[in-house]
């Protein structure tokens, strides 16, 4: 996540930039990433509605999930992703062109 994405979330929620950075991000691989609760849910996930509370301004890491290079590098990697994310492999069919586009947006 970059500062522009954090600012977009802050503006959307009408919260200070510093609050979003402090309470909802963590360092990961030399960048910022959204924080998760101990159960793996993002801090912006509403367990009652089962929806993202920042969906219109979700950062690149969310817009491209699960099509990160690390998740699609091999059939075994994709199966591991499917085992940990109940939504992976479900829903509408995504074209290979779209998968490649999303994978090119973030290097994880």
Protein backbone atom coordinates (compact mmCIF):
# COMPACT_ATOMS: atom_id res chain seq x y z
CA UNK A 1 0.00 0.00 0.00
CA UNK A 2 1.20 3.47 -0.70
CA UNK A 3 0.29 6.76 0.95
CA UNK A 4 -2.23 7.55 -1.80
CA UNK A 5 -4.19 4.40 -0.98
CA UNK A 6 -4.05 5.12 2.75
CA UNK A 7 -5.24 8.68 2.10
CA UNK A 8 -8.13 7.40 -0.02
CA UNK A 9 -9.25 5.12 2.81
CA UNK A 10 -8.90 7.96 5.34
CA UNK A 11 -10.93 10.30 3.16
CA UNK A 12 -13.60 7.67 2.53
CA UNK A 13 -13.98 6.98 6.25
CA UNK A 14 -13.50 10.63 7.26
CA UNK A 15 -10.64 9.60 9.56
CA UNK A 16 -7.15 11.06 9.96
CA UNK A 17 -4.45 9.60 7.72
CA UNK A 18 -2.31 8.76 10.77
CA UNK A 19 -5.13 6.79 12.38
CA UNK A 20 -5.57 4.62 9.31
CA UNK A 21 -1.84 4.06 8.99
CA UNK A 22 -1.41 3.25 12.69
CA UNK A 23 -4.53 1.18 13.31
CA UNK A 24 -5.04 -0.56 9.97
CA UNK A 25 -1.66 -1.14 8.33
CA UNK A 26 1.47 -3.09 9.12
CA UNK A 27 4.90 -3.39 7.52
CA UNK A 28 5.23 -6.32 5.14
CA UNK A 29 8.01 -7.04 2.64
CA UNK A 30 9.29 -3.47 2.78
CA UNK A 31 5.82 -1.97 2.20
CA UNK A 32 2.63 -1.31 4.09
CA UNK A 33 -0.11 -3.93 4.08
CA UNK A 34 -3.57 -3.95 5.57
CA UNK A 35 -3.67 -5.41 9.08
CA UNK A 36 -5.63 -8.50 9.98
CA UNK A 37 -7.20 -9.81 13.14
CA UNK A 38 -5.87 -13.05 14.64
CA UNK A 39 -8.41 -15.03 12.60
CA UNK A 40 -7.02 -13.57 9.34
CA UNK A 41 -9.89 -11.16 8.65
CA UNK A 42 -8.91 -7.70 7.50
CA UNK A 43 -9.62 -4.96 10.02
CA UNK A 44 -11.97 -3.42 7.43
CA UNK A 45 -14.03 -6.61 7.06
CA UNK A 46 -17.43 -6.46 8.73
CA UNK A 47 -18.14 -9.93 10.16
CA UNK A 48 -21.83 -9.15 10.59
CA UNK A 49 -22.51 -8.25 6.95
CA UNK A 50 -19.58 -10.32 5.58
CA UNK A 51 -18.55 -7.34 3.46
CA UNK A 52 -15.60 -5.00 3.08
CA UNK A 53 -16.28 -1.60 4.65
CA UNK A 54 -13.89 0.20 2.27
CA UNK A 55 -14.70 -1.67 -0.94
CA UNK A 56 -14.99 1.43 -3.20
CA UNK A 57 -11.47 2.53 -2.18
CA UNK A 58 -9.87 -0.85 -1.46
CA UNK A 59 -6.14 -0.84 -2.15
CA UNK A 60 -4.34 -2.62 -4.96
CA UNK A 61 -3.56 -5.61 -2.72
CA UNK A 62 -7.31 -6.23 -2.42
CA UNK A 63 -8.24 -5.41 -6.01
CA UNK A 64 -5.73 -7.96 -7.32
CA UNK A 65 -6.31 -10.78 -4.78
CA UNK A 66 -6.06 -13.76 -5.24
CA UNK A 67 -4.16 -13.33 -8.51
CA UNK A 68 -0.78 -12.52 -7.02
CA UNK A 69 2.20 -14.16 -8.73
CA UNK A 70 2.98 -16.04 -5.50
CA UNK A 71 -0.52 -17.55 -5.55
CA UNK A 72 -0.56 -18.55 -9.22
CA UNK A 73 3.05 -19.61 -9.77
CA UNK A 74 2.13 -23.30 -9.80
CA UNK A 75 -0.91 -25.54 -9.38
CA UNK A 76 0.33 -26.32 -5.87
CA UNK A 77 0.50 -22.61 -4.99
CA UNK A 78 -3.04 -22.09 -6.30
CA UNK A 79 -4.30 -25.08 -4.30
CA UNK A 80 -2.65 -23.69 -1.15
CA UNK A 81 -4.41 -20.38 -1.80
CA UNK A 82 -7.74 -22.14 -2.29
CA UNK A 83 -7.30 -23.98 1.00
CA UNK A 84 -6.72 -20.76 2.96
CA UNK A 85 -9.22 -18.50 1.16
CA UNK A 86 -12.74 -19.89 0.84
CA UNK A 87 -13.55 -17.45 -1.97
CA UNK A 88 -10.64 -18.44 -4.23
CA UNK A 89 -11.84 -20.57 -7.10
CA UNK A 90 -15.47 -19.51 -6.59
CA UNK A 91 -17.58 -16.91 -8.29
CA UNK A 92 -17.46 -15.69 -11.86
CA UNK A 93 -14.88 -17.09 -14.25
CA UNK A 94 -11.93 -14.72 -14.66
CA UNK A 95 -10.19 -14.67 -18.03
CA UNK A 96 -6.49 -15.40 -18.30
CA UNK A 97 -6.01 -11.87 -19.62
CA UNK A 98 -7.58 -10.41 -16.48
CA UNK A 99 -5.56 -12.71 -14.25
CA UNK A 100 -2.34 -11.63 -15.98
CA UNK A 101 -3.33 -7.97 -15.68
CA UNK A 102 -4.02 -8.28 -11.96
CA UNK A 103 -0.83 -10.27 -11.38
CA UNK A 104 1.16 -7.53 -13.11
CA UNK A 105 -0.20 -4.86 -10.73
CA UNK A 106 1.51 -6.14 -7.61
CA UNK A 107 4.57 -8.28 -7.03
CA UNK A 108 3.72 -10.60 -4.13
